[in-house]
Amino acid sequence: MVNTKEIKKKGLKGVKTIIFGRTLMVVVAFVIQFLLLTSIYVWLRDYSYIFYLVFVLLSVTVVLHLFNSSGSPEFKLVWMLPLIIFPVFGALFYIYINNQWGTKILFRRLETFSVQTRKYAPQNVEVKARLKEENPQMGHFADYMEVYGNAPVYDHTQVTYYPLGDDQFQDMLEELKKAEKFIFLEFFIVEEGIMWNSILEILKEKAKQGVEVRVMYDGMCVLALLPYFYPKVLEAEGIKCKMFAPIRPVFSSYYNNRDHRKIMVIDGKVAFTGGTNLADEYINQKVRFGHWKDTAVRLTGKAVERFTYMFLEMWDVTEVDEEAYAKYKTPKEFSMPNDGFIMPYEVSPYGKERVGKKVYLDILNTAREYVHIMTPYLILDYEMIMALTYAAKRGVDVSIIMPHIPDKKYAFAVAKTYYRELLEAGVQIFEYEPGFVHAKVFVSDHVKAVVGTINLDYRSLFHHFECAALLYENSRIADIEEDFQNTLKKCIKARPSDYKEQPFYMRAMGTILRIFAPLM
């Protein structure tokens, strides 16, 4: 039984040994399972020629399946390496990874909930018709997003843009204090500190007042940030809490699909999303990689409803009882002045559609004057490289702001391998000299912008659960472009020769790891 009083007395830092002890257990369990799989393969190979022949036929079958399957060529290439170097073991590993029942069950449940929530947050036909009349291309894009992304387009929504997590934090606290019915929080990272502790105090108070409070965070937090029993700590305060895909000592591809979303919804009236997690570095109260540059948006109005149901869909994956979806609809009497169009959307690692990637590609392919991008990572597939370079070659100003002080050196080394090809095609790359850029922003032609959680890398576009808000003809787009220009003043411009001027070990690491980029 969890002693919540003792935990409060010591603070979470007093249980870090529990966290790291569990992490060590998980790592050891993974290694044992991997070694067991390897030893079985070696034993069967040496035990009988017939077994080996069967495995060779299995390898050939896997290769044929891989060649004829749909999907990214880059992923096929990554799998071809172990199949060529370790034909039998590679085939067994491929079959094991691609036949995880956990991921299939999760995908089916999410599809079921998506169908259910469409009834409560349907597309307003008049809104989409008006969008089509103003811009047929955007109207047809809205058709795609509605069908394949369960992402209706909304009007009558006000947007506030935050160029720093520091600014967002204060407004989050103020909005939480106004909550009357429910508060939903879903974040990739939650860590004890000024930010989370300040929010938690309000959540406790609201729970005492009868407000329904739910908190969900990604299960990766158990490896270094929070104890495994932390949900029980919050539940003792009247707060419903759960981890998404908590890490257990069982080797599975399921753990590769993290909940990277950042969502805060209050009463179905106000929603926040963006790059900011609930930890102190995101509001520059703790220095990790120089100054932390992040961005976010607050939505007030009709579009909030979609974020409400995004949260509920993910929450209900592990629930047995049926959710009372109707009670969480944005109140009909709650209305805001109209200001363009807003499309909240989510990204799933399951299924064939890659909605997050499609949104970015659509912006690049339809831009006339400029596409300005902020991203912490730059790990690209062939299709994204072609879209970026083609836009630049046809005269569009394509500019990317990256960190100058990276959080992950290996990811930065891989990103550098793309610099030369992009720069030579006319794409401009800048590095934020004061520190780390964690923002995920696309802004184009003064009319389109995306702010959310989606990085320009394989993890966000293929492996993670993500979310964002697409803005069209909204007055706050000007604020986003202004922030980009202000950030640009603090940046160093990259040159084609920069790659060769790196230390040899960085170039070698980047070159080798780029082969495995689809898994990064």
Protein backbone atom coordinates (compact mmCIF):
# COMPACT_ATOMS: atom_id res chain seq x y z
CA MET A 1 0.00 0.00 0.00
CA VAL A 2 1.28 3.46 -0.89
CA ASN A 3 1.92 5.74 2.09
CA THR A 4 0.88 9.09 0.58
CA LYS A 5 1.56 11.01 3.80
CA GLU A 6 5.17 9.80 3.83
CA ILE A 7 5.59 10.76 0.17
CA LYS A 8 4.28 14.27 0.85
CA LYS A 9 6.65 14.59 3.78
CA LYS A 10 9.74 13.56 1.83
CA GLY A 11 8.73 14.95 -1.56
CA LEU A 12 9.14 13.12 -4.81
CA LYS A 13 12.87 13.59 -4.77
CA GLY A 14 12.94 11.31 -1.76
CA VAL A 15 11.75 8.40 -3.90
CA LYS A 16 14.11 8.83 -6.84
CA THR A 17 15.91 5.67 -5.77
CA ILE A 18 12.68 3.76 -6.35
CA ILE A 19 12.40 5.20 -9.84
CA PHE A 20 15.96 4.38 -10.84
CA GLY A 21 15.73 0.96 -9.19
CA ARG A 22 12.69 0.18 -11.34
CA THR A 23 14.44 1.55 -14.43
CA LEU A 24 17.36 -0.81 -13.84
CA MET A 25 14.95 -3.73 -13.48
CA VAL A 26 13.24 -2.86 -16.78
CA VAL A 27 16.57 -2.57 -18.62
CA VAL A 28 17.81 -5.88 -17.22
CA ALA A 29 14.53 -7.58 -18.17
CA PHE A 30 14.77 -6.23 -21.74
CA VAL A 31 18.36 -7.48 -22.07
CA ILE A 32 17.43 -10.95 -20.74
CA GLN A 33 14.55 -11.25 -23.23
CA PHE A 34 16.75 -10.13 -26.12
CA LEU A 35 19.50 -12.59 -25.16
CA LEU A 36 16.92 -15.36 -24.84
CA LEU A 37 15.60 -14.68 -28.32
CA THR A 38 19.17 -14.67 -29.67
CA SER A 39 20.10 -17.91 -27.91
CA ILE A 40 17.00 -19.69 -29.24
CA TYR A 41 17.94 -18.64 -32.75
CA VAL A 42 21.56 -19.86 -32.35
CA TRP A 43 20.47 -23.15 -30.81
CA LEU A 44 17.91 -23.91 -33.53
CA ARG A 45 20.36 -22.96 -36.27
CA ASP A 46 22.99 -25.41 -34.99
CA TYR A 47 20.56 -28.07 -33.91
CA SER A 48 19.24 -29.11 -37.28
CA TYR A 49 19.79 -28.39 -40.95
CA ILE A 50 16.01 -28.66 -41.43
CA PHE A 51 15.38 -25.88 -38.91
CA TYR A 52 17.93 -23.69 -40.67
CA LEU A 53 16.35 -24.36 -44.07
CA VAL A 54 12.93 -23.42 -42.67
CA PHE A 55 14.37 -20.20 -41.28
CA VAL A 56 16.02 -19.32 -44.60
CA LEU A 57 12.67 -19.78 -46.37
CA LEU A 58 11.12 -17.64 -43.67
CA SER A 59 13.70 -14.91 -44.34
CA VAL A 60 12.95 -14.96 -48.06
CA THR A 61 9.23 -14.72 -47.33
CA VAL A 62 9.79 -11.74 -45.03
CA VAL A 63 11.91 -9.97 -47.67
CA LEU A 64 9.22 -10.51 -50.32
CA HIS A 65 6.56 -9.25 -47.93
CA LEU A 66 8.66 -6.20 -47.08
CA PHE A 67 9.21 -5.30 -50.75
CA ASN A 68 5.53 -5.61 -51.61
CA SER A 69 4.10 -3.90 -48.53
CA SER A 70 2.91 -0.29 -48.53
CA GLY A 71 4.70 2.31 -46.47
CA SER A 72 7.80 4.45 -46.36
CA PRO A 73 10.80 3.22 -48.40
CA GLU A 74 13.06 4.42 -45.59
CA PHE A 75 11.48 2.00 -43.14
CA LYS A 76 11.90 -0.85 -45.60
CA LEU A 77 15.58 0.04 -45.99
CA VAL A 78 16.14 -0.01 -42.23
CA TRP A 79 14.63 -3.50 -42.01
CA MET A 80 16.66 -4.73 -44.99
CA LEU A 81 19.91 -4.24 -43.07
CA PRO A 82 19.30 -6.83 -40.32
CA LEU A 83 17.68 -9.14 -42.89
CA ILE A 84 20.84 -9.04 -45.01
CA ILE A 85 23.40 -9.13 -42.19
CA PHE A 86 21.52 -11.57 -39.93
CA PRO A 87 19.05 -13.24 -42.33
CA VAL A 88 17.34 -15.62 -39.92
CA PHE A 89 17.48 -13.57 -36.75
CA GLY A 90 16.44 -10.45 -38.68
CA ALA A 91 13.36 -12.24 -40.03
CA LEU A 92 12.35 -13.48 -36.57
CA PHE A 93 12.84 -10.03 -35.09
CA TYR A 94 10.76 -8.43 -37.89
CA ILE A 95 7.90 -10.87 -37.32
CA TYR A 96 8.04 -10.32 -33.56
CA ILE A 97 7.99 -6.52 -33.81
CA ASN A 98 5.26 -6.36 -36.46
CA ASN A 99 2.89 -8.76 -34.74
CA GLN A 100 2.32 -7.10 -31.38
CA TRP A 101 -1.23 -7.72 -30.22
CA GLY A 102 -1.06 -4.81 -27.80
CA THR A 103 -0.68 -2.24 -30.57
CA LYS A 104 -3.43 -3.83 -32.68
CA ILE A 105 -5.89 -3.83 -29.80
CA LEU A 106 -5.05 -0.21 -28.98
CA PHE A 107 -5.53 0.81 -32.62
CA ARG A 108 -8.95 -0.85 -32.78
CA ARG A 109 -10.11 0.77 -29.55
CA LEU A 110 -8.99 4.21 -30.71
CA GLU A 111 -10.82 3.71 -34.00
CA THR A 112 -13.98 2.78 -32.08
CA PHE A 113 -13.77 5.86 -29.86
CA SER A 114 -13.07 8.07 -32.87
CA VAL A 115 -16.32 6.89 -34.47
CA GLN A 116 -18.20 7.59 -31.24
CA THR A 117 -16.82 11.08 -30.69
CA ARG A 118 -17.65 12.13 -34.26
CA LYS A 119 -21.29 12.11 -33.13
CA TYR A 120 -20.56 14.69 -30.43
CA ALA A 121 -18.14 16.89 -32.37
CA PRO A 122 -19.38 16.68 -35.98
CA GLN A 123 -18.30 18.91 -38.83
CA ASN A 124 -20.48 22.01 -39.18
CA VAL A 125 -21.47 21.83 -42.85
CA GLU A 126 -21.98 25.60 -43.15
CA VAL A 127 -18.49 26.34 -41.79
CA LYS A 128 -16.79 24.02 -44.26
CA ALA A 129 -18.91 25.33 -47.14
CA ARG A 130 -17.83 28.87 -46.31
CA LEU A 131 -14.18 27.78 -46.21
CA LYS A 132 -14.55 26.14 -49.64
CA GLU A 133 -16.08 29.31 -51.03
CA GLU A 134 -13.19 31.43 -49.71
CA ASN A 135 -10.46 28.98 -50.71
CA PRO A 136 -11.35 25.80 -52.65
CA GLN A 137 -7.93 24.25 -51.96
CA MET A 138 -8.33 24.64 -48.20
CA GLY A 139 -11.90 23.41 -48.46
CA HIS A 140 -10.80 20.18 -50.13
CA PHE A 141 -8.01 19.82 -47.59
CA ALA A 142 -10.66 20.11 -44.87
CA ASP A 143 -12.51 17.24 -46.59
CA TYR A 144 -9.38 15.10 -46.25
CA MET A 145 -8.84 16.04 -42.59
CA GLU A 146 -12.46 15.33 -41.70
CA VAL A 147 -12.44 11.85 -43.27
CA TYR A 148 -8.93 10.67 -42.41
CA GLY A 149 -8.08 12.69 -39.31
CA ASN A 150 -11.44 13.16 -37.55
CA ALA A 151 -10.53 16.86 -37.58
CA PRO A 152 -13.47 19.22 -38.17
CA VAL A 153 -12.80 22.84 -39.10
CA TYR A 154 -14.27 25.40 -36.69
CA ASP A 155 -15.07 29.09 -36.62
CA HIS A 156 -15.94 31.37 -33.68
CA THR A 157 -12.72 30.57 -31.83
CA GLN A 158 -10.30 33.10 -30.39
CA VAL A 159 -6.58 32.30 -30.33
CA THR A 160 -3.80 33.55 -28.06
CA TYR A 161 -0.22 32.80 -29.15
CA TYR A 162 2.59 32.39 -26.63
CA PRO A 163 6.17 32.91 -27.88
CA LEU A 164 7.51 31.43 -24.63
CA GLY A 165 6.35 28.85 -22.13
CA ASP A 166 7.02 31.49 -19.47
CA ASP A 167 4.10 33.56 -20.81
CA GLN A 168 1.81 30.58 -21.23
CA PHE A 169 2.33 29.38 -17.66
CA GLN A 170 0.71 32.39 -16.01
CA ASP A 171 -2.38 32.15 -18.21
CA MET A 172 -2.65 28.43 -17.53
CA LEU A 173 -2.82 29.13 -13.80
CA GLU A 174 -5.45 31.83 -14.24
CA GLU A 175 -7.66 29.65 -16.45
CA LEU A 176 -7.38 26.68 -14.08
CA LYS A 177 -8.62 28.86 -11.22
CA LYS A 178 -11.79 29.60 -13.25
CA ALA A 179 -12.71 25.93 -13.74
CA GLU A 180 -16.26 25.01 -12.70
CA LYS A 181 -17.00 21.58 -14.24
CA PHE A 182 -13.92 19.71 -15.44
CA ILE A 183 -10.18 19.93 -16.05
CA PHE A 184 -8.38 17.54 -18.41
CA LEU A 185 -4.57 17.43 -18.56
CA GLU A 186 -2.56 15.23 -20.92
CA PHE A 187 1.20 15.80 -21.12
CA PHE A 188 4.28 13.92 -22.25
CA ILE A 189 6.34 15.02 -19.25
CA VAL A 190 5.32 15.84 -15.69
CA GLU A 191 8.08 16.62 -13.20
CA GLU A 192 8.06 18.01 -9.70
CA GLY A 193 9.06 21.67 -9.58
CA ILE A 194 7.73 25.22 -9.66
CA MET A 195 5.51 24.65 -12.69
CA TRP A 196 3.91 21.34 -11.78
CA ASN A 197 3.63 22.08 -8.06
CA SER A 198 1.84 25.38 -8.79
CA ILE A 199 -0.61 23.64 -11.10
CA LEU A 200 -1.09 20.74 -8.70
CA GLU A 201 -2.10 23.03 -5.84
CA ILE A 202 -4.91 24.44 -7.98
CA LEU A 203 -5.97 20.96 -9.11
CA LYS A 204 -6.22 19.81 -5.50
CA GLU A 205 -8.33 22.80 -4.57
CA LYS A 206 -10.61 22.35 -7.58
CA ALA A 207 -11.06 18.64 -6.81
CA LYS A 208 -12.20 19.61 -3.27
CA GLN A 209 -14.73 22.00 -4.82
CA GLY A 210 -16.26 19.15 -6.85
CA VAL A 211 -14.60 19.89 -10.18
CA GLU A 212 -13.80 16.71 -12.12
CA VAL A 213 -10.02 16.60 -12.58
CA ARG A 214 -8.24 14.05 -14.78
CA VAL A 215 -4.48 13.91 -15.36
CA MET A 216 -2.69 11.66 -17.84
CA TYR A 217 1.02 11.59 -18.59
CA ASP A 218 3.28 9.36 -20.64
CA GLY A 219 4.59 6.21 -19.01
CA MET A 220 8.20 7.10 -19.87
CA CYS A 221 8.10 9.37 -16.82
CA VAL A 222 8.52 6.29 -14.59
CA LEU A 223 12.07 5.81 -15.90
CA ALA A 224 13.48 8.99 -14.40
CA LEU A 225 10.88 11.53 -13.25
CA LEU A 226 8.01 10.04 -11.24
CA PRO A 227 7.52 6.87 -9.17
CA TYR A 228 5.35 4.12 -10.61
CA PHE A 229 2.73 4.64 -7.91
CA TYR A 230 2.37 8.39 -8.51
CA PRO A 231 -1.20 8.05 -9.90
CA LYS A 232 -2.23 6.76 -6.44
CA VAL A 233 -0.71 9.88 -4.88
CA LEU A 234 -2.97 12.09 -6.99
CA GLU A 235 -6.00 9.86 -6.54
CA ALA A 236 -5.64 10.34 -2.78
CA GLU A 237 -6.23 14.06 -3.49
CA GLY A 238 -9.41 13.37 -5.48
CA ILE A 239 -7.66 13.63 -8.87
CA LYS A 240 -8.14 10.86 -11.43
CA CYS A 241 -4.75 9.95 -12.87
CA LYS A 242 -3.20 7.40 -15.17
CA MET A 243 -0.06 6.74 -17.18
CA PHE A 244 -0.17 6.07 -20.89
CA ALA A 245 1.69 2.86 -21.78
CA PRO A 246 3.71 2.54 -18.56
CA ILE A 247 7.06 0.84 -19.09
CA ARG A 248 7.05 -2.74 -17.83
CA PRO A 249 9.80 -5.38 -18.04
CA VAL A 250 8.37 -6.91 -21.23
CA PHE A 251 10.04 -6.22 -24.57
CA SER A 252 7.48 -4.80 -27.02
CA SER A 253 7.21 -2.36 -29.94
CA TYR A 254 4.24 -0.91 -28.03
CA TYR A 255 6.69 1.22 -26.04
CA ASN A 256 7.87 2.97 -29.19
CA ASN A 257 4.52 4.75 -29.56
CA ARG A 258 4.63 7.43 -26.87
CA ASP A 259 1.94 9.95 -25.97
CA HIS A 260 3.81 13.11 -26.92
CA ARG A 261 0.69 15.31 -26.82
CA LYS A 262 0.25 18.38 -24.61
CA ILE A 263 -3.39 19.18 -23.89
CA MET A 264 -5.10 21.19 -21.19
CA VAL A 265 -8.89 21.59 -21.44
CA ILE A 266 -11.03 23.56 -18.99
CA ASP A 267 -14.84 23.23 -19.01
CA GLY A 268 -14.83 22.67 -22.79
CA LYS A 269 -14.34 26.43 -23.17
CA VAL A 270 -10.56 26.87 -23.08
CA ALA A 271 -7.75 24.62 -24.37
CA PHE A 272 -3.97 24.91 -24.44
CA THR A 273 -1.58 23.02 -26.71
CA GLY A 274 1.97 23.47 -27.91
CA GLY A 275 5.46 22.30 -27.08
CA THR A 276 5.43 23.08 -23.36
CA ASN A 277 5.52 20.19 -20.90
CA LEU A 278 4.90 20.47 -17.14
CA ALA A 279 8.52 20.83 -16.05
CA ASP A 280 10.62 23.82 -15.05
CA GLU A 281 12.97 24.02 -18.03
CA TYR A 282 9.95 24.76 -20.26
CA ILE A 283 9.34 28.03 -18.40
CA ASN A 284 13.07 28.82 -17.92
CA GLN A 285 12.98 28.18 -14.19
CA LYS A 286 15.67 25.55 -14.69
CA VAL A 287 18.56 25.90 -17.13
CA ARG A 288 19.43 22.77 -19.10
CA PHE A 289 20.47 23.85 -22.61
CA GLY A 290 20.69 27.60 -22.41
CA HIS A 291 17.53 29.64 -22.92
CA TRP A 292 14.51 27.42 -23.64
CA LYS A 293 12.46 28.70 -26.57
CA ASP A 294 9.01 27.12 -26.74
CA THR A 295 5.62 28.09 -28.17
CA ALA A 296 1.96 27.36 -27.48
CA VAL A 297 -1.57 28.54 -28.20
CA ARG A 298 -4.69 29.01 -26.14
CA LEU A 299 -8.01 28.40 -27.89
CA THR A 300 -11.25 29.85 -26.54
CA GLY A 301 -14.49 28.90 -28.26
CA LYS A 302 -15.98 26.17 -30.42
CA ALA A 303 -12.71 24.48 -31.48
CA VAL A 304 -11.97 23.54 -27.86
CA GLU A 305 -14.54 20.77 -28.17
CA ARG A 306 -12.28 18.69 -30.41
CA PHE A 307 -9.44 18.81 -27.85
CA THR A 308 -11.91 17.64 -25.20
CA TYR A 309 -12.72 14.54 -27.22
CA MET A 310 -9.09 13.93 -28.19
CA PHE A 311 -8.36 13.63 -24.49
CA LEU A 312 -11.34 11.38 -23.79
CA GLU A 313 -10.49 9.03 -26.67
CA MET A 314 -7.01 8.43 -25.25
CA TRP A 315 -8.22 8.21 -21.65
CA ASP A 316 -10.85 5.60 -22.48
CA VAL A 317 -8.39 3.17 -24.07
CA THR A 318 -7.97 1.47 -20.69
CA GLU A 319 -11.52 2.03 -19.43
CA VAL A 320 -14.29 -0.57 -19.23
CA ASP A 321 -17.31 1.63 -18.50
CA GLU A 322 -18.85 3.66 -21.31
CA GLU A 323 -17.97 7.36 -21.27
CA ALA A 324 -20.77 9.93 -20.97
CA TYR A 325 -19.45 11.93 -23.92
CA ALA A 326 -22.48 14.23 -24.19
CA LYS A 327 -21.81 15.93 -20.85
CA TYR A 328 -18.45 17.27 -22.05
CA LYS A 329 -19.68 19.14 -25.13
CA THR A 330 -18.82 22.82 -25.28
CA PRO A 331 -21.91 24.70 -24.03
CA LYS A 332 -24.07 25.96 -26.92
CA GLU A 333 -24.56 29.31 -25.23
CA PHE A 334 -20.79 29.82 -25.03
CA SER A 335 -19.79 31.84 -28.10
CA MET A 336 -16.80 33.92 -29.16
CA PRO A 337 -16.34 36.48 -31.96
CA ASN A 338 -15.37 34.90 -35.27
CA ASP A 339 -11.73 35.07 -36.36
CA GLY A 340 -10.94 32.87 -39.35
CA PHE A 341 -10.86 29.08 -39.19
CA ILE A 342 -9.29 26.68 -36.68
CA MET A 343 -8.66 22.98 -37.20
CA PRO A 344 -7.52 21.01 -34.13
CA TYR A 345 -6.08 17.65 -35.16
CA GLU A 346 -4.30 14.62 -33.76
CA VAL A 347 -1.60 12.32 -35.10
CA SER A 348 -1.64 8.56 -34.57
CA PRO A 349 1.21 6.11 -35.22
CA TYR A 350 -1.33 3.47 -36.28
CA GLY A 351 -3.04 3.02 -39.63
CA LYS A 352 -1.78 4.12 -43.04
CA GLU A 353 -2.48 7.86 -42.86
CA ARG A 354 0.21 10.19 -41.56
CA VAL A 355 -1.92 13.25 -40.92
CA GLY A 356 0.81 15.32 -39.24
CA LYS A 357 3.10 14.85 -42.21
CA LYS A 358 0.29 15.58 -44.68
CA VAL A 359 -0.45 18.93 -43.01
CA TYR A 360 3.20 20.02 -43.29
CA LEU A 361 3.45 18.79 -46.89
CA ASP A 362 0.27 20.64 -47.83
CA ILE A 363 1.64 23.90 -46.43
CA LEU A 364 4.94 23.46 -48.30
CA ASN A 365 3.28 22.49 -51.57
CA THR A 366 0.76 25.36 -51.60
CA ALA A 367 3.00 28.17 -50.29
CA ARG A 368 3.49 31.17 -52.56
CA GLU A 369 5.75 33.51 -50.60
CA TYR A 370 7.24 31.84 -47.52
CA VAL A 371 7.19 28.91 -45.12
CA HIS A 372 8.87 29.63 -41.79
CA ILE A 373 9.56 26.70 -39.50
CA MET A 374 10.74 26.21 -35.93
CA THR A 375 11.63 22.66 -34.87
CA PRO A 376 14.02 21.09 -32.35
CA TYR A 377 14.81 18.12 -34.61
CA LEU A 378 15.39 17.72 -38.33
CA ILE A 379 15.33 14.05 -39.29
CA LEU A 380 13.64 13.81 -42.68
CA ASP A 381 12.38 11.21 -45.11
CA TYR A 382 12.80 11.55 -48.87
CA GLU A 383 9.32 12.97 -49.41
CA MET A 384 9.83 15.76 -46.87
CA ILE A 385 13.26 16.61 -48.29
CA MET A 386 11.73 16.92 -51.77
CA ALA A 387 8.91 19.15 -50.51
CA LEU A 388 11.31 21.48 -48.68
CA THR A 389 13.80 21.73 -51.54
CA TYR A 390 11.16 22.02 -54.28
CA ALA A 391 9.44 24.88 -52.45
CA ALA A 392 12.78 26.67 -52.16
CA LYS A 393 13.67 26.01 -55.81
CA ARG A 394 10.43 27.56 -57.01
CA GLY A 395 11.22 30.77 -55.14
CA VAL A 396 9.45 30.28 -51.84
CA ASP A 397 11.37 31.55 -48.79
CA VAL A 398 11.80 28.34 -46.78
CA SER A 399 13.55 29.11 -43.49
CA ILE A 400 14.09 26.75 -40.56
CA ILE A 401 15.12 27.71 -37.03
CA MET A 402 16.92 24.95 -35.13
CA PRO A 403 18.61 24.85 -31.69
CA HIS A 404 22.23 25.93 -31.34
CA ILE A 405 22.53 24.06 -28.04
CA PRO A 406 20.91 20.64 -28.63
CA ASP A 407 19.34 18.46 -25.98
CA LYS A 408 20.33 15.24 -27.77
CA LYS A 409 23.73 15.29 -29.47
CA TYR A 410 23.01 12.18 -31.52
CA ALA A 411 19.82 13.73 -32.98
CA PHE A 412 21.69 16.96 -33.73
CA ALA A 413 24.45 14.99 -35.46
CA VAL A 414 21.85 13.35 -37.72
CA ALA A 415 20.14 16.70 -38.39
CA LYS A 416 23.47 18.17 -39.57
CA THR A 417 23.69 15.52 -42.30
CA TYR A 418 20.66 17.13 -43.99
CA TYR A 419 22.01 20.69 -43.85
CA ARG A 420 24.11 20.69 -47.01
CA GLU A 421 21.43 19.24 -49.31
CA LEU A 422 18.82 21.66 -48.00
CA LEU A 423 21.11 24.70 -48.08
CA GLU A 424 22.30 24.02 -51.62
CA ALA A 425 18.65 23.87 -52.77
CA GLY A 426 17.99 27.31 -51.26
CA VAL A 427 16.48 26.35 -47.91
CA GLN A 428 17.81 28.65 -45.19
CA ILE A 429 18.71 27.17 -41.80
CA PHE A 430 19.34 29.18 -38.66
CA GLU A 431 20.41 28.11 -35.17
CA TYR A 432 19.06 29.81 -32.06
CA GLU A 433 22.28 31.03 -30.42
CA PRO A 434 20.96 31.57 -26.84
CA GLY A 435 20.02 27.92 -26.41
CA PHE A 436 17.44 25.30 -27.28
CA VAL A 437 14.42 25.64 -29.57
CA HIS A 438 11.65 23.24 -28.55
CA ALA A 439 8.94 25.05 -30.58
CA LYS A 440 6.98 23.23 -33.29
CA VAL A 441 5.75 25.94 -35.66
CA PHE A 442 4.89 26.25 -39.35
CA VAL A 443 3.72 29.64 -40.62
CA SER A 444 3.08 30.50 -44.27
CA ASP A 445 2.06 33.47 -46.42
CA HIS A 446 0.37 35.34 -43.53
CA VAL A 447 -2.64 33.01 -43.88
CA LYS A 448 -1.68 29.58 -42.48
CA ALA A 449 0.03 28.46 -39.30
CA VAL A 450 0.43 25.32 -37.19
CA VAL A 451 1.34 25.32 -33.52
CA GLY A 452 1.44 22.04 -31.66
CA THR A 453 3.58 19.13 -30.54
CA ILE A 454 4.72 17.78 -33.92
CA ASN A 455 8.46 17.89 -34.59
CA LEU A 456 9.99 17.59 -38.05
CA ASP A 457 11.31 14.09 -37.45
CA TYR A 458 10.32 10.44 -37.76
CA ARG A 459 9.29 10.10 -34.13
CA SER A 460 6.59 12.77 -34.36
CA LEU A 461 5.47 12.03 -37.91
CA PHE A 462 5.43 8.22 -37.66
CA HIS A 463 5.84 6.87 -34.12
CA HIS A 464 4.19 9.17 -31.57
CA PHE A 465 0.71 10.33 -30.66
CA GLU A 466 0.70 14.08 -31.34
CA CYS A 467 -1.67 17.03 -31.65
CA ALA A 468 -1.76 20.56 -33.05
CA ALA A 469 -3.96 23.43 -34.15
CA LEU A 470 -4.01 24.57 -37.78
CA LEU A 471 -4.95 28.24 -38.15
CA TYR A 472 -6.25 29.75 -41.39
CA GLU A 473 -6.97 33.46 -41.91
CA ASN A 474 -6.73 34.02 -38.16
CA SER A 475 -5.47 37.36 -36.86
CA ARG A 476 -2.94 35.68 -34.51
CA ILE A 477 -0.97 34.32 -37.46
CA ALA A 478 0.65 37.75 -37.60
CA ASP A 479 1.87 37.22 -34.02
CA ILE A 480 3.41 33.88 -34.97
CA GLU A 481 5.27 35.38 -37.92
CA GLU A 482 6.42 38.31 -35.76
CA ASP A 483 7.79 35.85 -33.20
CA PHE A 484 9.65 34.00 -35.94
CA GLN A 485 11.28 37.24 -37.12
CA ASN A 486 12.19 38.24 -33.55
CA THR A 487 13.70 34.81 -32.93
CA LEU A 488 15.62 35.07 -36.21
CA LYS A 489 17.49 38.10 -34.83
CA LYS A 490 19.02 35.85 -32.18
CA CYS A 491 20.13 33.16 -34.63
CA ILE A 492 23.31 32.14 -36.45
CA LYS A 493 22.89 31.37 -40.15
CA ALA A 494 24.10 27.94 -41.22
CA ARG A 495 26.50 27.52 -44.17
CA PRO A 496 27.05 24.50 -46.44
CA SER A 497 30.62 24.24 -45.11
CA ASP A 498 29.45 23.86 -41.50
CA TYR A 499 29.05 20.12 -41.84
CA LYS A 500 32.72 19.56 -42.71
CA GLU A 501 33.83 21.85 -39.90
CA GLN A 502 32.24 19.61 -37.27
CA PRO A 503 34.48 17.30 -35.22
CA PHE A 504 35.10 14.01 -37.00
CA TYR A 505 33.26 11.96 -34.35
CA MET A 506 30.11 14.08 -34.85
CA ARG A 507 30.18 13.58 -38.62
CA ALA A 508 30.79 9.86 -38.22
CA MET A 509 28.01 9.51 -35.67
CA GLY A 510 25.57 11.44 -37.86
CA THR A 511 26.44 9.42 -40.98
CA ILE A 512 25.99 6.08 -39.23
CA LEU A 513 22.85 7.02 -37.31
CA ARG A 514 21.16 8.47 -40.40
CA ILE A 515 20.81 4.90 -41.66
CA PHE A 516 18.64 4.21 -38.62
CA ALA A 517 16.86 7.59 -38.76
CA PRO A 518 13.38 6.06 -39.27
CA LEU A 519 13.68 4.52 -35.82
CA MET A 520 14.86 7.75 -34.13
